[in-house]
Every structure is written in structure tokens, then in C-alpha cells.
All heavy atoms as atom14 arrays in JSON, in Angstrom:
{
  "sequence": "PVYGDGGNVRDWIHVEDHCRAVLAVAEGGKPGRVYNVGASSERE",
  "atom14_mask": [
    [1, 1, 1, 1, 1, 1, 1, 0, 0, 0, 0, 0, 0, 0],
    [1, 1, 1, 1, 1, 1, 1, 0, 0, 0, 0, 0, 0, 0],
    [1, 1, 1, 1, 1, 1, 1, 1, 1, 1, 1, 1, 0, 0],
    [1, 1, 1, 1, 0, 0, 0, 0, 0, 0, 0, 0, 0, 0],
    [1, 1, 1, 1, 1, 1, 1, 1, 0, 0, 0, 0, 0, 0],
    [1, 1, 1, 1, 0, 0, 0, 0, 0, 0, 0, 0, 0, 0],
    [1, 1, 1, 1, 0, 0, 0, 0, 0, 0, 0, 0, 0, 0],
    [1, 1, 1, 1, 1, 1, 1, 1, 0, 0, 0, 0, 0, 0],
    [1, 1, 1, 1, 1, 1, 1, 0, 0, 0, 0, 0, 0, 0],
    [1, 1, 1, 1, 1, 1, 1, 1, 1, 1, 1, 0, 0, 0],
    [1, 1, 1, 1, 1, 1, 1, 1, 0, 0, 0, 0, 0, 0],
    [1, 1, 1, 1, 1, 1, 1, 1, 1, 1, 1, 1, 1, 1],
    [1, 1, 1, 1, 1, 1, 1, 1, 0, 0, 0, 0, 0, 0],
    [1, 1, 1, 1, 1, 1, 1, 1, 1, 1, 0, 0, 0, 0],
    [1, 1, 1, 1, 1, 1, 1, 0, 0, 0, 0, 0, 0, 0],
    [1, 1, 1, 1, 1, 1, 1, 1, 1, 0, 0, 0, 0, 0],
    [1, 1, 1, 1, 1, 1, 1, 1, 0, 0, 0, 0, 0, 0],
    [1, 1, 1, 1, 1, 1, 1, 1, 1, 1, 0, 0, 0, 0],
    [1, 1, 1, 1, 1, 1, 0, 0, 0, 0, 0, 0, 0, 0],
    [1, 1, 1, 1, 1, 1, 1, 1, 1, 1, 1, 0, 0, 0],
    [1, 1, 1, 1, 1, 0, 0, 0, 0, 0, 0, 0, 0, 0],
    [1, 1, 1, 1, 1, 1, 1, 0, 0, 0, 0, 0, 0, 0],
    [1, 1, 1, 1, 1, 1, 1, 1, 0, 0, 0, 0, 0, 0],
    [1, 1, 1, 1, 1, 0, 0, 0, 0, 0, 0, 0, 0, 0],
    [1, 1, 1, 1, 1, 1, 1, 0, 0, 0, 0, 0, 0, 0],
    [1, 1, 1, 1, 1, 0, 0, 0, 0, 0, 0, 0, 0, 0],
    [1, 1, 1, 1, 1, 1, 1, 1, 1, 0, 0, 0, 0, 0],
    [1, 1, 1, 1, 0, 0, 0, 0, 0, 0, 0, 0, 0, 0],
    [1, 1, 1, 1, 0, 0, 0, 0, 0, 0, 0, 0, 0, 0],
    [1, 1, 1, 1, 1, 1, 1, 1, 1, 0, 0, 0, 0, 0],
    [1, 1, 1, 1, 1, 1, 1, 0, 0, 0, 0, 0, 0, 0],
    [1, 1, 1, 1, 0, 0, 0, 0, 0, 0, 0, 0, 0, 0],
    [1, 1, 1, 1, 1, 1, 1, 1, 1, 1, 1, 0, 0, 0],
    [1, 1, 1, 1, 1, 1, 1, 0, 0, 0, 0, 0, 0, 0],
    [1, 1, 1, 1, 1, 1, 1, 1, 1, 1, 1, 1, 0, 0],
    [1, 1, 1, 1, 1, 1, 1, 1, 0, 0, 0, 0, 0, 0],
    [1, 1, 1, 1, 1, 1, 1, 0, 0, 0, 0, 0, 0, 0],
    [1, 1, 1, 1, 0, 0, 0, 0, 0, 0, 0, 0, 0, 0],
    [1, 1, 1, 1, 1, 0, 0, 0, 0, 0, 0, 0, 0, 0],
    [1, 1, 1, 1, 1, 1, 0, 0, 0, 0, 0, 0, 0, 0],
    [1, 1, 1, 1, 1, 1, 0, 0, 0, 0, 0, 0, 0, 0],
    [1, 1, 1, 1, 1, 1, 1, 1, 1, 0, 0, 0, 0, 0],
    [1, 1, 1, 1, 1, 1, 1, 1, 1, 1, 1, 0, 0, 0],
    [1, 1, 1, 1, 1, 1, 1, 1, 1, 0, 0, 0, 0, 0]
  ],
  "atom14_positions": [
    [[67.02, 93.06, 80.66], [67.87, 91.87, 80.68], [69.0, 92.0, 81.7], [69.79, 92.94, 81.67], [68.43, 91.82, 79.25], [68.44, 93.25, 78.81], [67.26, 93.9, 79.47], [0.0, 0.0, 0.0], [0.0, 0.0, 0.0], [0.0, 0.0, 0.0], [0.0, 0.0, 0.0], [0.0, 0.0, 0.0], [0.0, 0.0, 0.0], [0.0, 0.0, 0.0]],
    [[69.07, 91.04, 82.62], [70.1, 91.03, 83.66], [70.91, 89.75, 83.52], [70.35, 88.64, 83.55], [69.47, 91.12, 85.06], [70.54, 90.99, 86.14], [68.7, 92.42, 85.21], [0.0, 0.0, 0.0], [0.0, 0.0, 0.0], [0.0, 0.0, 0.0], [0.0, 0.0, 0.0], [0.0, 0.0, 0.0], [0.0, 0.0, 0.0], [0.0, 0.0, 0.0]],
    [[72.22, 89.89, 83.37], [73.08, 88.72, 83.19], [73.09, 87.83, 84.44], [73.17, 88.32, 85.58], [74.51, 89.14, 82.91], [74.79, 89.52, 81.47], [75.45, 90.71, 81.16], [74.42, 88.7, 80.42], [75.73, 91.06, 79.86], [74.68, 89.03, 79.11], [75.34, 90.22, 78.83], [75.61, 90.57, 77.54], [0.0, 0.0, 0.0], [0.0, 0.0, 0.0]],
    [[73.06, 86.5, 84.2], [73.21, 85.52, 85.27], [72.19, 85.7, 86.37], [70.99, 85.8, 86.12], [0.0, 0.0, 0.0], [0.0, 0.0, 0.0], [0.0, 0.0, 0.0], [0.0, 0.0, 0.0], [0.0, 0.0, 0.0], [0.0, 0.0, 0.0], [0.0, 0.0, 0.0], [0.0, 0.0, 0.0], [0.0, 0.0, 0.0], [0.0, 0.0, 0.0]],
    [[72.69, 85.73, 87.63], [71.79, 85.93, 88.76], [71.74, 87.38, 89.22], [71.1, 87.69, 90.24], [72.2, 85.02, 89.93], [73.61, 85.33, 90.45], [74.26, 86.25, 89.92], [74.06, 84.64, 91.38], [0.0, 0.0, 0.0], [0.0, 0.0, 0.0], [0.0, 0.0, 0.0], [0.0, 0.0, 0.0], [0.0, 0.0, 0.0], [0.0, 0.0, 0.0]],
    [[72.44, 88.27, 88.49], [72.45, 89.68, 88.85], [73.35, 90.01, 90.02], [73.34, 91.15, 90.51], [0.0, 0.0, 0.0], [0.0, 0.0, 0.0], [0.0, 0.0, 0.0], [0.0, 0.0, 0.0], [0.0, 0.0, 0.0], [0.0, 0.0, 0.0], [0.0, 0.0, 0.0], [0.0, 0.0, 0.0], [0.0, 0.0, 0.0], [0.0, 0.0, 0.0]],
    [[74.14, 89.03, 90.47], [74.96, 89.23, 91.66], [76.33, 89.81, 91.4], [77.12, 89.95, 92.35], [0.0, 0.0, 0.0], [0.0, 0.0, 0.0], [0.0, 0.0, 0.0], [0.0, 0.0, 0.0], [0.0, 0.0, 0.0], [0.0, 0.0, 0.0], [0.0, 0.0, 0.0], [0.0, 0.0, 0.0], [0.0, 0.0, 0.0], [0.0, 0.0, 0.0]],
    [[76.65, 90.15, 90.16], [77.95, 90.75, 89.86], [78.04, 92.12, 90.53], [77.13, 92.94, 90.4], [78.15, 90.88, 88.36], [78.06, 89.54, 87.66], [76.96, 89.03, 87.44], [79.2, 88.95, 87.34], [0.0, 0.0, 0.0], [0.0, 0.0, 0.0], [0.0, 0.0, 0.0], [0.0, 0.0, 0.0], [0.0, 0.0, 0.0], [0.0, 0.0, 0.0]],
    [[79.15, 92.37, 91.21], [79.3, 93.58, 92.02], [80.23, 94.56, 91.32], [81.32, 94.19, 90.85], [79.87, 93.23, 93.41], [80.14, 94.51, 94.22], [78.89, 92.33, 94.17], [0.0, 0.0, 0.0], [0.0, 0.0, 0.0], [0.0, 0.0, 0.0], [0.0, 0.0, 0.0], [0.0, 0.0, 0.0], [0.0, 0.0, 0.0], [0.0, 0.0, 0.0]],
    [[79.81, 95.82, 91.26], [80.64, 96.88, 90.68], [80.68, 98.06, 91.66], [79.75, 98.31, 92.41], [80.06, 97.36, 89.33], [79.98, 96.25, 88.27], [81.36, 95.78, 87.86], [81.33, 94.76, 86.84], [81.46, 93.45, 87.07], [81.58, 93.02, 88.33], [81.47, 92.59, 86.07], [0.0, 0.0, 0.0], [0.0, 0.0, 0.0], [0.0, 0.0, 0.0]],
    [[81.79, 98.79, 91.61], [81.95, 100.03, 92.38], [81.56, 101.17, 91.45], [82.28, 101.51, 90.51], [83.41, 100.16, 92.83], [83.68, 101.43, 93.61], [82.74, 102.21, 93.83], [84.85, 101.65, 93.97], [0.0, 0.0, 0.0], [0.0, 0.0, 0.0], [0.0, 0.0, 0.0], [0.0, 0.0, 0.0], [0.0, 0.0, 0.0], [0.0, 0.0, 0.0]],
    [[80.39, 101.79, 91.7], [79.83, 102.77, 90.78], [80.29, 104.18, 91.13], [80.25, 104.58, 92.29], [78.3, 102.7, 90.8], [77.79, 101.42, 90.23], [77.44, 100.29, 90.9], [77.6, 101.14, 88.84], [77.04, 99.31, 90.02], [77.12, 99.81, 88.74], [77.77, 101.87, 87.67], [76.83, 99.2, 87.53], [77.48, 101.27, 86.46], [77.01, 99.95, 86.39]],
    [[80.71, 104.94, 90.12], [81.17, 106.31, 90.31], [80.51, 107.22, 89.28], [80.4, 106.86, 88.1], [82.71, 106.4, 90.21], [83.21, 107.83, 90.52], [83.21, 105.94, 88.84], [84.73, 107.92, 90.66], [0.0, 0.0, 0.0], [0.0, 0.0, 0.0], [0.0, 0.0, 0.0], [0.0, 0.0, 0.0], [0.0, 0.0, 0.0], [0.0, 0.0, 0.0]],
    [[80.05, 108.38, 89.74], [79.46, 109.33, 88.8], [80.55, 109.89, 87.91], [81.68, 110.15, 88.34], [78.75, 110.45, 89.55], [77.92, 111.32, 88.67], [78.44, 112.44, 88.04], [76.62, 111.24, 88.29], [77.48, 113.0, 87.32], [76.37, 112.31, 87.45], [0.0, 0.0, 0.0], [0.0, 0.0, 0.0], [0.0, 0.0, 0.0], [0.0, 0.0, 0.0]],
    [[80.23, 110.11, 86.65], [81.23, 110.52, 85.66], [81.89, 111.84, 86.04], [83.07, 112.06, 85.73], [80.59, 110.58, 84.25], [79.52, 111.66, 84.17], [81.64, 110.78, 83.18], [0.0, 0.0, 0.0], [0.0, 0.0, 0.0], [0.0, 0.0, 0.0], [0.0, 0.0, 0.0], [0.0, 0.0, 0.0], [0.0, 0.0, 0.0], [0.0, 0.0, 0.0]],
    [[81.17, 112.75, 86.7], [81.79, 114.01, 87.09], [82.9, 113.78, 88.12], [83.96, 114.41, 88.05], [80.75, 114.98, 87.66], [81.34, 116.33, 88.04], [80.33, 117.3, 88.6], [79.11, 117.09, 88.4], [80.75, 118.28, 89.24], [0.0, 0.0, 0.0], [0.0, 0.0, 0.0], [0.0, 0.0, 0.0], [0.0, 0.0, 0.0], [0.0, 0.0, 0.0]],
    [[82.67, 112.88, 89.06], [83.73, 112.55, 90.02], [84.94, 111.95, 89.31], [86.09, 112.27, 89.64], [83.19, 111.55, 91.06], [82.36, 112.22, 92.14], [82.6, 113.42, 92.43], [81.47, 111.56, 92.7], [0.0, 0.0, 0.0], [0.0, 0.0, 0.0], [0.0, 0.0, 0.0], [0.0, 0.0, 0.0], [0.0, 0.0, 0.0], [0.0, 0.0, 0.0]],
    [[84.69, 111.09, 88.34], [85.79, 110.51, 87.57], [86.55, 111.6, 86.83], [87.79, 111.64, 86.84], [85.26, 109.47, 86.59], [86.33, 108.81, 85.77], [86.07, 108.12, 84.61], [87.69, 108.77, 85.92], [87.19, 107.67, 84.11], [88.19, 108.04, 84.88], [0.0, 0.0, 0.0], [0.0, 0.0, 0.0], [0.0, 0.0, 0.0], [0.0, 0.0, 0.0]],
    [[85.85, 112.5, 86.17], [86.5, 113.57, 85.41], [87.36, 114.44, 86.32], [88.47, 114.86, 85.93], [85.47, 114.41, 84.68], [84.7, 113.56, 83.28], [0.0, 0.0, 0.0], [0.0, 0.0, 0.0], [0.0, 0.0, 0.0], [0.0, 0.0, 0.0], [0.0, 0.0, 0.0], [0.0, 0.0, 0.0], [0.0, 0.0, 0.0], [0.0, 0.0, 0.0]],
    [[86.88, 114.72, 87.51], [87.67, 115.53, 88.44], [88.91, 114.76, 88.92], [89.96, 115.37, 89.19], [86.81, 115.99, 89.61], [85.74, 116.98, 89.18], [85.03, 117.63, 90.36], [84.0, 118.56, 89.88], [84.24, 119.78, 89.45], [85.48, 120.26, 89.45], [83.25, 120.56, 89.02], [0.0, 0.0, 0.0], [0.0, 0.0, 0.0], [0.0, 0.0, 0.0]],
    [[88.81, 113.45, 89.0], [89.97, 112.64, 89.34], [91.01, 112.69, 88.22], [92.22, 112.83, 88.47], [89.55, 111.2, 89.61], [0.0, 0.0, 0.0], [0.0, 0.0, 0.0], [0.0, 0.0, 0.0], [0.0, 0.0, 0.0], [0.0, 0.0, 0.0], [0.0, 0.0, 0.0], [0.0, 0.0, 0.0], [0.0, 0.0, 0.0], [0.0, 0.0, 0.0]],
    [[90.56, 112.58, 86.98], [91.48, 112.67, 85.83], [92.17, 114.04, 85.82], [93.38, 114.14, 85.59], [90.71, 112.44, 84.51], [91.58, 112.78, 83.3], [90.22, 111.0, 84.42], [0.0, 0.0, 0.0], [0.0, 0.0, 0.0], [0.0, 0.0, 0.0], [0.0, 0.0, 0.0], [0.0, 0.0, 0.0], [0.0, 0.0, 0.0], [0.0, 0.0, 0.0]],
    [[91.41, 115.08, 86.1], [91.98, 116.42, 86.14], [93.04, 116.53, 87.24], [94.11, 117.12, 87.03], [90.86, 117.43, 86.37], [91.19, 118.91, 86.26], [91.79, 119.25, 84.89], [89.94, 119.75, 86.5], [0.0, 0.0, 0.0], [0.0, 0.0, 0.0], [0.0, 0.0, 0.0], [0.0, 0.0, 0.0], [0.0, 0.0, 0.0], [0.0, 0.0, 0.0]],
    [[92.76, 115.95, 88.39], [93.72, 115.99, 89.5], [95.01, 115.27, 89.14], [96.12, 115.75, 89.44], [93.1, 115.37, 90.75], [0.0, 0.0, 0.0], [0.0, 0.0, 0.0], [0.0, 0.0, 0.0], [0.0, 0.0, 0.0], [0.0, 0.0, 0.0], [0.0, 0.0, 0.0], [0.0, 0.0, 0.0], [0.0, 0.0, 0.0], [0.0, 0.0, 0.0]],
    [[94.89, 114.11, 88.49], [96.09, 113.35, 88.09], [96.84, 114.08, 86.98], [98.08, 114.14, 86.98], [95.7, 111.93, 87.64], [96.9, 111.18, 87.07], [95.11, 111.15, 88.82], [0.0, 0.0, 0.0], [0.0, 0.0, 0.0], [0.0, 0.0, 0.0], [0.0, 0.0, 0.0], [0.0, 0.0, 0.0], [0.0, 0.0, 0.0], [0.0, 0.0, 0.0]],
    [[96.11, 114.67, 86.04], [96.76, 115.42, 84.96], [97.6, 116.56, 85.51], [98.72, 116.82, 85.02], [95.71, 115.97, 84.0], [0.0, 0.0, 0.0], [0.0, 0.0, 0.0], [0.0, 0.0, 0.0], [0.0, 0.0, 0.0], [0.0, 0.0, 0.0], [0.0, 0.0, 0.0], [0.0, 0.0, 0.0], [0.0, 0.0, 0.0], [0.0, 0.0, 0.0]],
    [[97.11, 117.22, 86.53], [97.78, 118.4, 87.05], [98.77, 118.11, 88.17], [99.7, 118.89, 88.39], [96.73, 119.41, 87.54], [95.86, 119.95, 86.41], [94.82, 120.94, 86.87], [94.3, 120.79, 88.0], [94.5, 121.86, 86.1], [0.0, 0.0, 0.0], [0.0, 0.0, 0.0], [0.0, 0.0, 0.0], [0.0, 0.0, 0.0], [0.0, 0.0, 0.0]],
    [[98.61, 116.97, 88.85], [99.48, 116.74, 90.01], [100.04, 115.35, 90.18], [100.82, 115.12, 91.13], [0.0, 0.0, 0.0], [0.0, 0.0, 0.0], [0.0, 0.0, 0.0], [0.0, 0.0, 0.0], [0.0, 0.0, 0.0], [0.0, 0.0, 0.0], [0.0, 0.0, 0.0], [0.0, 0.0, 0.0], [0.0, 0.0, 0.0], [0.0, 0.0, 0.0]],
    [[99.67, 114.42, 89.31], [100.15, 113.05, 89.46], [101.65, 112.93, 89.25], [102.26, 113.7, 88.52], [0.0, 0.0, 0.0], [0.0, 0.0, 0.0], [0.0, 0.0, 0.0], [0.0, 0.0, 0.0], [0.0, 0.0, 0.0], [0.0, 0.0, 0.0], [0.0, 0.0, 0.0], [0.0, 0.0, 0.0], [0.0, 0.0, 0.0], [0.0, 0.0, 0.0]],
    [[102.25, 111.92, 89.88], [103.68, 111.69, 89.76], [103.98, 110.88, 88.49], [103.3, 109.9, 88.2], [104.2, 110.94, 90.98], [104.06, 111.73, 92.28], [104.59, 110.94, 93.47], [104.44, 111.74, 94.76], [104.94, 110.98, 95.94], [0.0, 0.0, 0.0], [0.0, 0.0, 0.0], [0.0, 0.0, 0.0], [0.0, 0.0, 0.0], [0.0, 0.0, 0.0]],
    [[104.99, 111.26, 87.71], [105.31, 110.54, 86.48], [105.55, 109.05, 86.73], [106.18, 108.66, 87.72], [106.6, 111.22, 86.0], [106.54, 112.59, 86.59], [105.88, 112.42, 87.92], [0.0, 0.0, 0.0], [0.0, 0.0, 0.0], [0.0, 0.0, 0.0], [0.0, 0.0, 0.0], [0.0, 0.0, 0.0], [0.0, 0.0, 0.0], [0.0, 0.0, 0.0]],
    [[104.99, 108.22, 85.82], [105.16, 106.78, 85.92], [104.21, 106.1, 86.88], [104.27, 104.89, 87.07], [0.0, 0.0, 0.0], [0.0, 0.0, 0.0], [0.0, 0.0, 0.0], [0.0, 0.0, 0.0], [0.0, 0.0, 0.0], [0.0, 0.0, 0.0], [0.0, 0.0, 0.0], [0.0, 0.0, 0.0], [0.0, 0.0, 0.0], [0.0, 0.0, 0.0]],
    [[103.28, 106.86, 87.47], [102.37, 106.33, 88.48], [101.05, 105.87, 87.88], [100.57, 106.41, 86.89], [102.04, 107.41, 89.51], [103.13, 107.71, 90.49], [103.19, 106.66, 91.59], [103.39, 107.27, 92.89], [103.52, 106.58, 94.0], [103.43, 105.27, 93.97], [103.71, 107.18, 95.16], [0.0, 0.0, 0.0], [0.0, 0.0, 0.0], [0.0, 0.0, 0.0]],
    [[100.46, 104.87, 88.53], [99.08, 104.45, 88.28], [98.24, 104.95, 89.45], [98.67, 104.87, 90.61], [98.98, 102.92, 88.17], [97.51, 102.48, 88.05], [99.78, 102.4, 86.99], [0.0, 0.0, 0.0], [0.0, 0.0, 0.0], [0.0, 0.0, 0.0], [0.0, 0.0, 0.0], [0.0, 0.0, 0.0], [0.0, 0.0, 0.0], [0.0, 0.0, 0.0]],
    [[97.06, 105.46, 89.13], [96.13, 105.93, 90.17], [94.78, 105.25, 89.98], [94.14, 105.4, 88.94], [95.95, 107.45, 90.09], [97.18, 108.22, 90.49], [98.15, 108.55, 89.55], [97.39, 108.62, 91.82], [99.3, 109.25, 89.91], [98.53, 109.32, 92.19], [99.48, 109.63, 91.24], [100.62, 110.33, 91.59], [0.0, 0.0, 0.0], [0.0, 0.0, 0.0]],
    [[94.36, 104.49, 91.0], [93.03, 103.89, 90.99], [91.99, 104.93, 91.4], [92.23, 105.74, 92.29], [92.96, 102.72, 91.96], [93.64, 101.47, 91.42], [93.99, 101.41, 90.25], [93.82, 100.48, 92.28], [0.0, 0.0, 0.0], [0.0, 0.0, 0.0], [0.0, 0.0, 0.0], [0.0, 0.0, 0.0], [0.0, 0.0, 0.0], [0.0, 0.0, 0.0]],
    [[90.82, 104.86, 90.75], [89.75, 105.83, 91.02], [88.44, 105.07, 91.26], [87.95, 104.37, 90.37], [89.56, 106.79, 89.83], [88.46, 107.81, 90.15], [90.87, 107.51, 89.5], [0.0, 0.0, 0.0], [0.0, 0.0, 0.0], [0.0, 0.0, 0.0], [0.0, 0.0, 0.0], [0.0, 0.0, 0.0], [0.0, 0.0, 0.0], [0.0, 0.0, 0.0]],
    [[87.9, 105.2, 92.45], [86.63, 104.56, 92.78], [85.86, 105.38, 93.78], [86.41, 106.31, 94.39], [0.0, 0.0, 0.0], [0.0, 0.0, 0.0], [0.0, 0.0, 0.0], [0.0, 0.0, 0.0], [0.0, 0.0, 0.0], [0.0, 0.0, 0.0], [0.0, 0.0, 0.0], [0.0, 0.0, 0.0], [0.0, 0.0, 0.0], [0.0, 0.0, 0.0]],
    [[84.6, 105.04, 93.98], [83.74, 105.83, 94.87], [83.31, 105.07, 96.11], [82.48, 105.57, 96.87], [82.52, 106.31, 94.1], [0.0, 0.0, 0.0], [0.0, 0.0, 0.0], [0.0, 0.0, 0.0], [0.0, 0.0, 0.0], [0.0, 0.0, 0.0], [0.0, 0.0, 0.0], [0.0, 0.0, 0.0], [0.0, 0.0, 0.0], [0.0, 0.0, 0.0]],
    [[83.84, 103.85, 96.31], [83.44, 103.03, 97.46], [81.92, 102.86, 97.49], [81.3, 102.95, 98.54], [83.95, 103.64, 98.77], [85.36, 103.73, 98.77], [0.0, 0.0, 0.0], [0.0, 0.0, 0.0], [0.0, 0.0, 0.0], [0.0, 0.0, 0.0], [0.0, 0.0, 0.0], [0.0, 0.0, 0.0], [0.0, 0.0, 0.0], [0.0, 0.0, 0.0]],
    [[81.35, 102.62, 96.33], [79.89, 102.45, 96.2], [79.6, 101.12, 95.53], [79.07, 101.06, 94.42], [79.28, 103.6, 95.4], [79.43, 104.83, 96.05], [0.0, 0.0, 0.0], [0.0, 0.0, 0.0], [0.0, 0.0, 0.0], [0.0, 0.0, 0.0], [0.0, 0.0, 0.0], [0.0, 0.0, 0.0], [0.0, 0.0, 0.0], [0.0, 0.0, 0.0]],
    [[79.96, 100.05, 96.21], [79.75, 98.71, 95.65], [78.27, 98.34, 95.69], [77.62, 98.48, 96.73], [80.54, 97.67, 96.43], [82.04, 97.75, 96.28], [82.73, 96.66, 97.08], [82.46, 95.47, 96.82], [83.51, 97.0, 97.98], [0.0, 0.0, 0.0], [0.0, 0.0, 0.0], [0.0, 0.0, 0.0], [0.0, 0.0, 0.0], [0.0, 0.0, 0.0]],
    [[77.79, 97.87, 94.55], [76.41, 97.39, 94.47], [76.36, 96.21, 93.51], [77.04, 96.2, 92.48], [75.46, 98.48, 93.95], [75.35, 99.72, 94.81], [74.62, 99.49, 96.11], [74.33, 100.76, 96.77], [75.22, 101.47, 97.47], [76.46, 101.05, 97.59], [74.84, 102.61, 98.05], [0.0, 0.0, 0.0], [0.0, 0.0, 0.0], [0.0, 0.0, 0.0]],
    [[75.49, 95.25, 93.82], [75.2, 94.21, 92.85], [74.42, 94.82, 91.69], [73.64, 95.77, 91.88], [74.37, 93.09, 93.48], [75.13, 92.26, 94.51], [74.3, 91.09, 95.01], [73.1, 91.0, 94.64], [74.84, 90.27, 95.77], [0.0, 0.0, 0.0], [0.0, 0.0, 0.0], [0.0, 0.0, 0.0], [0.0, 0.0, 0.0], [0.0, 0.0, 0.0]]
  ]
}
């Protein structure tokens, strides 16, 4: 089952890359900051 015309676009990231990003922010992020995490892998 594919919603609509299937043209919805998402930036897909492997969970290991995401986990390493969380680890990097946990250990080095600046207090009060938001950090966006993506893989530049947009696909419909």
C-alpha cells in the first residue's frame, strides 16, 4: 500500500548514522541548541 501518488519526499538516514549523531550532540553539543540530522538522501 502506497499513500496517494507515492510522490511524498523524505530524506532517508540509516539508524546507525542517526545514533552516531545523537552521540556527537550528547558529548559535544552546545547547551540550548537544536541540531538537525539528515543524510541528504531525498527520495520519493
